[in-house]
Structure formats: structure tokens, C-alpha cells
Amino acid sequence: MTENENLEQKTRVIFLMEKYAHYIFHRFFEKPGRDRALRILYDSGTITQKVFADKMNIRPSSASDILAKMESEGLITRACHDDDKRNINITLTEDGRKITEEVNIKQQEAVKQMMLSLTAEELTTLETLMNKLLSDWDYKFGEEAKLYGPPPRKRGADK
């Protein structure tokens, strides 16, 4: 394989990864950002807004916006921390817990459907290769990504 052919193949693989990401986040999951936030809160119990922002890997101002929307939808409550009034505690409401449990069931079914065409051996190979890539990317780009934060969103991307 020539260097040019190798680059073309790598480009095709990256394009396929983009298509897979599109399927995962736009076809199988209705609201991936909200669902991820709900899952973090569900798993964490009551946490501070700062911890939430860290777990979501977003800026505190972005966390505040997300939480305000979730609060207006009745999914969470926010209250001042008992010991430090500057810290805000976030807790899922009963509706938030119920929606998270429903989303988890839907996501489990989607995952089953998404992976039906792979044998157990193929799935293991895919997982190994993806972990290898991710480890390499974390090593190469991890610190750079932390310095600059998440990539900028395109205008209208959240509509």
C-alpha cells in the first residue's frame, strides 16, 4: 500500500467514525446532552454544580445553563450547600429519576440493536481496537484538549 493509499484509507475510517457518532447521538438517543447529564446526576446522587461541570467536562457557565433548563423542566432541584452558600447542590427530582430510568431502558435496547450484526469475537476485537485508538488519542491530544476545552459548537447545532 502506498503512503497516499494509506492516508485515503485512514480518512475513510475517520469518515466512518463520524457516521457512527451521528447514528449513536442523533438516531438512537433523543437528547444525548441532557441524557448524559441525567445519567451523571443519577449515578452521583446530590453533587455540587462544580463537580457536575467537571464530570460533564464543560465550563461552569455552560453547566449553569444546562442546569437552569433542567430545573425549569422539573428534572432537578438546586439548593445552596449547608456549609458554603457559594456552592450549589444539585439533586434529581422524582420526575428526573423516572425519565433517567426510562432513557436507560431505551439506550440498552438501542445498544442491543446497534451491535446485532457483530459476533462476540468481532465485538471483542472492535472494543480492543477502539480502546487502543482512544489511549493513543488521550496520550497525544488529551492535555491539549484540556487546555482548550470542548470544541466550539456550530451555530444552530443544538436545534
N, C-alpha and C. Protein backbone atom coordinates (compact mmCIF):
# COMPACT_ATOMS: atom_id res chain seq x y z
N MET A 1 0.86 -1.18 0.00
CA MET A 1 0.00 0.00 0.00
C MET A 1 0.90 1.23 0.00
N THR A 2 0.61 2.16 -0.89
CA THR A 2 1.40 3.39 -0.96
C THR A 2 1.00 4.32 0.19
N GLU A 3 1.83 5.30 0.43
CA GLU A 3 1.55 6.27 1.50
C GLU A 3 0.23 7.00 1.24
N ASN A 4 -0.03 7.33 -0.02
CA ASN A 4 -1.27 8.02 -0.39
C ASN A 4 -2.48 7.12 -0.17
N GLU A 5 -2.36 5.85 -0.55
CA GLU A 5 -3.46 4.89 -0.33
C GLU A 5 -3.72 4.70 1.16
N ASN A 6 -2.65 4.67 1.94
CA ASN A 6 -2.77 4.52 3.39
C ASN A 6 -3.51 5.72 3.98
N LEU A 7 -3.16 6.92 3.51
CA LEU A 7 -3.83 8.13 4.00
C LEU A 7 -5.30 8.13 3.60
N GLU A 8 -5.61 7.68 2.40
CA GLU A 8 -7.00 7.61 1.95
C GLU A 8 -7.80 6.63 2.80
N GLN A 9 -7.19 5.50 3.12
CA GLN A 9 -7.87 4.51 3.97
C GLN A 9 -8.13 5.09 5.36
N LYS A 10 -7.15 5.75 5.94
CA LYS A 10 -7.32 6.36 7.27
C LYS A 10 -8.42 7.42 7.24
N THR A 11 -8.47 8.17 6.15
CA THR A 11 -9.52 9.19 6.00
C THR A 11 -10.89 8.54 5.94
N ARG A 12 -11.01 7.42 5.22
CA ARG A 12 -12.28 6.70 5.15
C ARG A 12 -12.69 6.19 6.54
N VAL A 13 -11.74 5.70 7.31
CA VAL A 13 -12.04 5.20 8.65
C VAL A 13 -12.55 6.35 9.54
N ILE A 14 -11.91 7.50 9.47
CA ILE A 14 -12.37 8.65 10.25
C ILE A 14 -13.77 9.05 9.81
N PHE A 15 -14.04 9.05 8.51
CA PHE A 15 -15.37 9.36 8.00
C PHE A 15 -16.40 8.37 8.55
N LEU A 16 -16.05 7.09 8.58
CA LEU A 16 -16.96 6.08 9.15
C LEU A 16 -17.22 6.35 10.63
N MET A 17 -16.19 6.74 11.36
CA MET A 17 -16.36 7.06 12.78
C MET A 17 -17.35 8.21 12.95
N GLU A 18 -17.25 9.20 12.08
CA GLU A 18 -18.20 10.32 12.14
C GLU A 18 -19.63 9.83 11.90
N LYS A 19 -19.80 8.94 10.94
CA LYS A 19 -21.14 8.39 10.66
C LYS A 19 -21.65 7.60 11.86
N TYR A 20 -20.78 6.79 12.49
CA TYR A 20 -21.19 6.04 13.68
C TYR A 20 -21.61 6.99 14.79
N ALA A 21 -20.83 8.04 14.99
CA ALA A 21 -21.16 9.02 16.04
C ALA A 21 -22.53 9.64 15.75
N HIS A 22 -22.79 9.94 14.49
CA HIS A 22 -24.09 10.50 14.12
C HIS A 22 -25.22 9.54 14.47
N TYR A 23 -25.06 8.28 14.11
CA TYR A 23 -26.08 7.29 14.45
C TYR A 23 -26.28 7.20 15.96
N ILE A 24 -25.20 7.12 16.68
CA ILE A 24 -25.29 6.96 18.14
C ILE A 24 -26.00 8.14 18.78
N PHE A 25 -25.59 9.34 18.41
CA PHE A 25 -26.10 10.51 19.12
C PHE A 25 -27.36 11.12 18.54
N HIS A 26 -27.66 10.85 17.29
CA HIS A 26 -28.82 11.52 16.70
C HIS A 26 -29.95 10.59 16.30
N ARG A 27 -29.64 9.35 16.09
CA ARG A 27 -30.71 8.44 15.68
C ARG A 27 -31.19 7.56 16.82
N PHE A 28 -30.30 7.19 17.73
CA PHE A 28 -30.69 6.27 18.78
C PHE A 28 -30.97 6.97 20.11
N PHE A 29 -30.43 8.15 20.30
CA PHE A 29 -30.62 8.85 21.56
C PHE A 29 -31.27 10.19 21.27
N GLU A 30 -32.42 10.44 21.89
CA GLU A 30 -33.20 11.63 21.58
C GLU A 30 -32.49 12.92 21.97
N LYS A 31 -31.99 12.98 23.19
CA LYS A 31 -31.33 14.18 23.69
C LYS A 31 -30.03 13.77 24.38
N PRO A 32 -28.97 13.55 23.60
CA PRO A 32 -27.75 12.99 24.16
C PRO A 32 -27.13 13.84 25.28
N GLY A 33 -27.12 15.16 25.13
CA GLY A 33 -26.54 16.02 26.17
C GLY A 33 -27.32 15.95 27.47
N ARG A 34 -28.63 16.10 27.35
CA ARG A 34 -29.48 16.02 28.54
C ARG A 34 -29.42 14.64 29.17
N ASP A 35 -29.45 13.61 28.33
CA ASP A 35 -29.43 12.25 28.84
C ASP A 35 -28.13 11.95 29.58
N ARG A 36 -27.02 12.47 29.06
CA ARG A 36 -25.73 12.28 29.74
C ARG A 36 -25.73 13.00 31.09
N ALA A 37 -26.27 14.21 31.10
CA ALA A 37 -26.36 14.98 32.35
C ALA A 37 -27.23 14.25 33.38
N LEU A 38 -28.36 13.74 32.92
CA LEU A 38 -29.24 12.98 33.82
C LEU A 38 -28.53 11.75 34.38
N ARG A 39 -27.80 11.05 33.52
CA ARG A 39 -27.09 9.84 33.96
C ARG A 39 -26.04 10.16 35.02
N ILE A 40 -25.31 11.25 34.80
CA ILE A 40 -24.29 11.67 35.78
C ILE A 40 -24.95 11.98 37.11
N LEU A 41 -26.05 12.70 37.09
CA LEU A 41 -26.74 13.05 38.33
C LEU A 41 -27.36 11.81 38.98
N TYR A 42 -27.89 10.92 38.18
CA TYR A 42 -28.49 9.68 38.70
C TYR A 42 -27.44 8.85 39.42
N ASP A 43 -26.27 8.72 38.80
CA ASP A 43 -25.19 7.92 39.38
C ASP A 43 -24.53 8.58 40.57
N SER A 44 -24.56 9.91 40.61
CA SER A 44 -23.82 10.65 41.64
C SER A 44 -24.65 11.00 42.87
N GLY A 45 -25.96 10.95 42.76
CA GLY A 45 -26.78 11.44 43.87
C GLY A 45 -26.72 12.96 43.88
N THR A 46 -26.65 13.55 45.06
CA THR A 46 -26.54 15.00 45.17
C THR A 46 -25.08 15.41 44.98
N ILE A 47 -24.84 16.31 44.04
CA ILE A 47 -23.48 16.81 43.80
C ILE A 47 -23.52 18.32 43.64
N THR A 48 -22.35 18.93 43.73
CA THR A 48 -22.28 20.38 43.54
C THR A 48 -22.24 20.70 42.05
N GLN A 49 -22.55 21.94 41.73
CA GLN A 49 -22.53 22.38 40.34
C GLN A 49 -21.12 22.26 39.77
N LYS A 50 -20.09 22.53 40.58
CA LYS A 50 -18.71 22.42 40.13
C LYS A 50 -18.37 20.98 39.77
N VAL A 51 -18.74 20.04 40.63
CA VAL A 51 -18.48 18.62 40.36
C VAL A 51 -19.22 18.20 39.08
N PHE A 52 -20.45 18.66 38.94
CA PHE A 52 -21.23 18.35 37.74
C PHE A 52 -20.50 18.85 36.49
N ALA A 53 -20.04 20.09 36.51
CA ALA A 53 -19.32 20.66 35.36
C ALA A 53 -18.07 19.84 35.05
N ASP A 54 -17.34 19.44 36.09
CA ASP A 54 -16.14 18.63 35.90
C ASP A 54 -16.48 17.28 35.26
N LYS A 55 -17.53 16.63 35.76
CA LYS A 55 -17.91 15.31 35.22
C LYS A 55 -18.41 15.42 33.78
N MET A 56 -19.05 16.52 33.46
CA MET A 56 -19.54 16.73 32.09
C MET A 56 -18.42 17.23 31.17
N ASN A 57 -17.29 17.66 31.78
CA ASN A 57 -16.17 18.24 31.04
C ASN A 57 -16.61 19.48 30.26
N ILE A 58 -17.32 20.36 30.97
CA ILE A 58 -17.79 21.62 30.37
C ILE A 58 -17.46 22.77 31.31
N ARG A 59 -17.57 23.97 30.80
CA ARG A 59 -17.32 25.17 31.60
C ARG A 59 -18.45 25.36 32.62
N PRO A 60 -18.13 25.96 33.77
CA PRO A 60 -19.17 26.20 34.78
C PRO A 60 -20.35 27.00 34.23
N SER A 61 -20.10 27.96 33.35
CA SER A 61 -21.20 28.76 32.80
C SER A 61 -22.11 27.89 31.93
N SER A 62 -21.53 26.96 31.20
CA SER A 62 -22.33 26.04 30.38
C SER A 62 -23.14 25.10 31.28
N ALA A 63 -22.52 24.66 32.37
CA ALA A 63 -23.23 23.80 33.32
C ALA A 63 -24.42 24.54 33.90
N SER A 64 -24.23 25.80 34.22
CA SER A 64 -25.31 26.61 34.78
C SER A 64 -26.48 26.71 33.80
N ASP A 65 -26.19 26.90 32.53
CA ASP A 65 -27.24 26.98 31.51
C ASP A 65 -28.01 25.66 31.40
N ILE A 66 -27.28 24.55 31.35
CA ILE A 66 -27.90 23.23 31.25
C ILE A 66 -28.78 22.97 32.46
N LEU A 67 -28.25 23.28 33.64
CA LEU A 67 -28.98 23.02 34.88
C LEU A 67 -30.22 23.90 34.99
N ALA A 68 -30.13 25.14 34.53
CA ALA A 68 -31.29 26.03 34.57
C ALA A 68 -32.42 25.46 33.71
N LYS A 69 -32.06 24.94 32.54
CA LYS A 69 -33.08 24.35 31.67
C LYS A 69 -33.68 23.11 32.32
N MET A 70 -32.83 22.26 32.89
CA MET A 70 -33.32 21.04 33.53
C MET A 70 -34.20 21.38 34.74
N GLU A 71 -33.83 22.43 35.45
CA GLU A 71 -34.64 22.86 36.59
C GLU A 71 -36.00 23.37 36.13
N SER A 72 -36.03 24.13 35.03
CA SER A 72 -37.31 24.64 34.52
C SER A 72 -38.20 23.51 34.01
N GLU A 73 -37.59 22.39 33.61
CA GLU A 73 -38.36 21.22 33.16
C GLU A 73 -38.76 20.32 34.32
N GLY A 74 -38.35 20.70 35.54
CA GLY A 74 -38.72 19.92 36.72
C GLY A 74 -37.90 18.65 36.92
N LEU A 75 -36.72 18.58 36.28
CA LEU A 75 -35.89 17.38 36.37
C LEU A 75 -34.92 17.40 37.55
N ILE A 76 -34.57 18.59 38.01
CA ILE A 76 -33.62 18.72 39.12
C ILE A 76 -34.08 19.82 40.08
N THR A 77 -33.48 19.80 41.26
CA THR A 77 -33.61 20.93 42.18
C THR A 77 -32.20 21.41 42.48
N ARG A 78 -32.08 22.71 42.73
CA ARG A 78 -30.80 23.30 43.13
C ARG A 78 -31.01 24.01 44.45
N ALA A 79 -30.06 23.81 45.35
CA ALA A 79 -30.15 24.46 46.66
C ALA A 79 -28.74 24.80 47.14
N CYS A 80 -28.63 25.85 47.94
CA CYS A 80 -27.33 26.24 48.49
C CYS A 80 -26.82 25.15 49.42
N HIS A 81 -25.52 24.92 49.37
CA HIS A 81 -24.84 23.96 50.24
C HIS A 81 -24.95 24.47 51.68
N ASP A 82 -25.18 23.57 52.63
CA ASP A 82 -25.34 23.95 54.03
C ASP A 82 -24.12 24.66 54.60
N ASP A 83 -22.92 24.16 54.27
CA ASP A 83 -21.70 24.70 54.85
C ASP A 83 -21.14 25.89 54.10
N ASP A 84 -21.39 25.97 52.82
CA ASP A 84 -20.82 27.03 51.99
C ASP A 84 -21.88 27.51 51.00
N LYS A 85 -22.44 28.66 51.26
CA LYS A 85 -23.56 29.17 50.46
C LYS A 85 -23.17 29.45 49.01
N ARG A 86 -21.84 29.50 48.72
CA ARG A 86 -21.40 29.72 47.33
C ARG A 86 -21.55 28.46 46.49
N ASN A 87 -21.59 27.31 47.14
CA ASN A 87 -21.74 26.04 46.43
C ASN A 87 -23.22 25.68 46.29
N ILE A 88 -23.58 25.20 45.11
CA ILE A 88 -24.95 24.82 44.83
C ILE A 88 -25.03 23.30 44.72
N ASN A 89 -25.93 22.69 45.48
CA ASN A 89 -26.17 21.25 45.40
C ASN A 89 -27.24 20.98 44.36
N ILE A 90 -27.01 19.96 43.56
CA ILE A 90 -27.96 19.57 42.53
C ILE A 90 -28.46 18.17 42.85
N THR A 91 -29.78 17.99 42.77
CA THR A 91 -30.39 16.69 43.03
C THR A 91 -31.47 16.44 41.99
N LEU A 92 -31.55 15.20 41.51
CA LEU A 92 -32.64 14.84 40.60
C LEU A 92 -33.96 14.83 41.35
N THR A 93 -35.00 15.31 40.71
CA THR A 93 -36.35 15.18 41.25
C THR A 93 -36.85 13.77 40.95
N GLU A 94 -37.99 13.43 41.48
CA GLU A 94 -38.58 12.12 41.17
C GLU A 94 -38.84 12.00 39.67
N ASP A 95 -39.32 13.09 39.04
CA ASP A 95 -39.51 13.07 37.57
C ASP A 95 -38.19 12.85 36.85
N GLY A 96 -37.13 13.50 37.33
CA GLY A 96 -35.80 13.34 36.74
C GLY A 96 -35.31 11.91 36.84
N ARG A 97 -35.53 11.28 37.99
CA ARG A 97 -35.13 9.88 38.18
C ARG A 97 -35.94 8.97 37.24
N LYS A 98 -37.23 9.23 37.14
CA LYS A 98 -38.10 8.40 36.30
C LYS A 98 -37.67 8.50 34.83
N ILE A 99 -37.43 9.71 34.36
CA ILE A 99 -37.01 9.91 32.96
C ILE A 99 -35.65 9.24 32.72
N THR A 100 -34.74 9.36 33.69
CA THR A 100 -33.42 8.73 33.54
C THR A 100 -33.55 7.22 33.42
N GLU A 101 -34.41 6.63 34.24
CA GLU A 101 -34.62 5.17 34.17
C GLU A 101 -35.24 4.76 32.84
N GLU A 102 -36.18 5.56 32.33
CA GLU A 102 -36.78 5.28 31.02
C GLU A 102 -35.74 5.40 29.90
N VAL A 103 -34.91 6.43 29.98
CA VAL A 103 -33.86 6.64 28.98
C VAL A 103 -32.87 5.48 29.02
N ASN A 104 -32.52 5.02 30.21
CA ASN A 104 -31.57 3.90 30.33
C ASN A 104 -32.12 2.65 29.65
N ILE A 105 -33.41 2.38 29.81
CA ILE A 105 -34.02 1.22 29.17
C ILE A 105 -33.97 1.36 27.65
N LYS A 106 -34.33 2.55 27.14
CA LYS A 106 -34.28 2.80 25.70
C LYS A 106 -32.86 2.66 25.17
N GLN A 107 -31.88 3.18 25.91
CA GLN A 107 -30.50 3.11 25.46
C GLN A 107 -29.98 1.68 25.46
N GLN A 108 -30.38 0.89 26.44
CA GLN A 108 -29.97 -0.51 26.46
C GLN A 108 -30.53 -1.26 25.24
N GLU A 109 -31.77 -0.98 24.89
CA GLU A 109 -32.37 -1.60 23.71
C GLU A 109 -31.66 -1.14 22.44
N ALA A 110 -31.33 0.15 22.37
CA ALA A 110 -30.63 0.68 21.20
C ALA A 110 -29.26 0.02 21.06
N VAL A 111 -28.54 -0.13 22.17
CA VAL A 111 -27.23 -0.77 22.12
C VAL A 111 -27.34 -2.19 21.61
N LYS A 112 -28.34 -2.92 22.08
CA LYS A 112 -28.54 -4.30 21.59
C LYS A 112 -28.75 -4.29 20.08
N GLN A 113 -29.60 -3.39 19.60
CA GLN A 113 -29.89 -3.33 18.16
C GLN A 113 -28.67 -2.92 17.36
N MET A 114 -27.90 -1.99 17.88
CA MET A 114 -26.74 -1.48 17.17
C MET A 114 -25.66 -2.54 16.98
N MET A 115 -25.58 -3.49 17.86
CA MET A 115 -24.49 -4.46 17.84
C MET A 115 -24.91 -5.86 17.39
N LEU A 116 -26.14 -6.01 16.90
CA LEU A 116 -26.64 -7.32 16.48
C LEU A 116 -25.82 -7.98 15.39
N SER A 117 -25.25 -7.20 14.50
CA SER A 117 -24.56 -7.80 13.35
C SER A 117 -23.16 -8.30 13.68
N LEU A 118 -22.68 -8.05 14.91
CA LEU A 118 -21.33 -8.49 15.29
C LEU A 118 -21.39 -9.74 16.15
N THR A 119 -20.45 -10.64 15.89
CA THR A 119 -20.30 -11.81 16.76
C THR A 119 -19.60 -11.35 18.05
N ALA A 120 -19.59 -12.20 19.04
CA ALA A 120 -18.90 -11.88 20.29
C ALA A 120 -17.42 -11.63 20.03
N GLU A 121 -16.82 -12.42 19.17
CA GLU A 121 -15.40 -12.25 18.84
C GLU A 121 -15.15 -10.92 18.12
N GLU A 122 -16.02 -10.59 17.17
CA GLU A 122 -15.88 -9.31 16.46
C GLU A 122 -16.06 -8.13 17.40
N LEU A 123 -16.99 -8.25 18.30
CA LEU A 123 -17.23 -7.18 19.28
C LEU A 123 -16.00 -6.99 20.17
N THR A 124 -15.39 -8.09 20.59
CA THR A 124 -14.17 -8.01 21.41
C THR A 124 -13.03 -7.35 20.63
N THR A 125 -12.88 -7.72 19.37
CA THR A 125 -11.85 -7.12 18.52
C THR A 125 -12.09 -5.63 18.35
N LEU A 126 -13.33 -5.25 18.07
CA LEU A 126 -13.68 -3.84 17.90
C LEU A 126 -13.39 -3.06 19.18
N GLU A 127 -13.79 -3.61 20.32
CA GLU A 127 -13.54 -2.94 21.60
C GLU A 127 -12.04 -2.75 21.83
N THR A 128 -11.26 -3.77 21.53
CA THR A 128 -9.80 -3.69 21.71
C THR A 128 -9.21 -2.60 20.83
N LEU A 129 -9.62 -2.57 19.57
CA LEU A 129 -9.10 -1.56 18.65
C LEU A 129 -9.52 -0.14 19.06
N MET A 130 -10.77 0.00 19.48
CA MET A 130 -11.24 1.33 19.89
C MET A 130 -10.51 1.81 21.14
N ASN A 131 -10.28 0.91 22.09
CA ASN A 131 -9.52 1.27 23.29
C ASN A 131 -8.08 1.65 22.94
N LYS A 132 -7.49 0.95 21.98
CA LYS A 132 -6.13 1.27 21.54
C LYS A 132 -6.09 2.68 20.96
N LEU A 133 -7.03 2.98 20.08
CA LEU A 133 -7.10 4.33 19.50
C LEU A 133 -7.32 5.40 20.57
N LEU A 134 -8.26 5.14 21.45
CA LEU A 134 -8.58 6.12 22.49
C LEU A 134 -7.39 6.38 23.40
N SER A 135 -6.68 5.35 23.79
CA SER A 135 -5.49 5.52 24.62
C SER A 135 -4.44 6.36 23.90
N ASP A 136 -4.26 6.08 22.62
CA ASP A 136 -3.29 6.84 21.82
C ASP A 136 -3.74 8.30 21.72
N TRP A 137 -5.01 8.52 21.45
CA TRP A 137 -5.52 9.88 21.31
C TRP A 137 -5.46 10.64 22.64
N ASP A 138 -5.78 9.96 23.73
CA ASP A 138 -5.67 10.61 25.05
C ASP A 138 -4.23 11.04 25.30
N TYR A 139 -3.29 10.17 24.93
CA TYR A 139 -1.88 10.49 25.11
C TYR A 139 -1.47 11.66 24.24
N LYS A 140 -1.85 11.61 22.96
CA LYS A 140 -1.44 12.65 22.01
C LYS A 140 -2.18 13.97 22.19
N PHE A 141 -3.49 13.87 22.44
CA PHE A 141 -4.32 15.07 22.40
C PHE A 141 -4.96 15.42 23.73
N GLY A 142 -4.83 14.56 24.72
CA GLY A 142 -5.51 14.74 26.00
C GLY A 142 -5.22 16.06 26.68
N GLU A 143 -3.96 16.38 26.84
CA GLU A 143 -3.61 17.62 27.51
C GLU A 143 -4.02 18.83 26.69
N GLU A 144 -3.86 18.75 25.38
CA GLU A 144 -4.27 19.85 24.51
C GLU A 144 -5.77 20.08 24.62
N ALA A 145 -6.54 19.00 24.66
CA ALA A 145 -7.99 19.12 24.76
C ALA A 145 -8.38 19.76 26.09
N LYS A 146 -7.67 19.43 27.17
CA LYS A 146 -7.98 20.03 28.47
C LYS A 146 -7.68 21.52 28.48
N LEU A 147 -6.62 21.93 27.77
CA LEU A 147 -6.26 23.34 27.72
C LEU A 147 -7.32 24.18 27.03
N TYR A 148 -7.88 23.64 25.95
CA TYR A 148 -8.80 24.42 25.13
C TYR A 148 -10.26 24.11 25.39
N GLY A 149 -10.55 23.11 26.18
CA GLY A 149 -11.93 22.77 26.47
C GLY A 149 -12.58 22.07 25.30
N PRO A 150 -13.90 21.87 25.38
CA PRO A 150 -14.58 21.19 24.29
C PRO A 150 -14.53 22.02 23.02
N PRO A 151 -14.60 21.38 21.86
CA PRO A 151 -14.57 22.14 20.62
C PRO A 151 -15.77 23.06 20.52
N PRO A 152 -15.61 24.20 19.83
CA PRO A 152 -16.74 25.12 19.71
C PRO A 152 -17.87 24.49 18.92
N ARG A 153 -19.09 24.82 19.32
CA ARG A 153 -20.28 24.29 18.63
C ARG A 153 -20.61 25.19 17.45
N LYS A 154 -21.12 24.58 16.40
CA LYS A 154 -21.58 25.35 15.25
C LYS A 154 -22.89 26.02 15.62
N ARG A 155 -23.12 27.20 15.06
CA ARG A 155 -24.38 27.91 15.30
C ARG A 155 -25.54 27.04 14.86
N GLY A 156 -26.55 26.96 15.72
CA GLY A 156 -27.74 26.19 15.41
C GLY A 156 -27.56 24.70 15.57
N ALA A 157 -26.41 24.25 16.10
CA ALA A 157 -26.15 22.80 16.23
C ALA A 157 -27.03 22.14 17.27
N ASP A 158 -27.54 22.93 18.23
CA ASP A 158 -28.36 22.33 19.29
C ASP A 158 -29.84 22.39 18.97
N LYS A 159 -30.19 22.69 17.74
CA LYS A 159 -31.61 22.76 17.35
C LYS A 159 -32.02 21.49 16.68
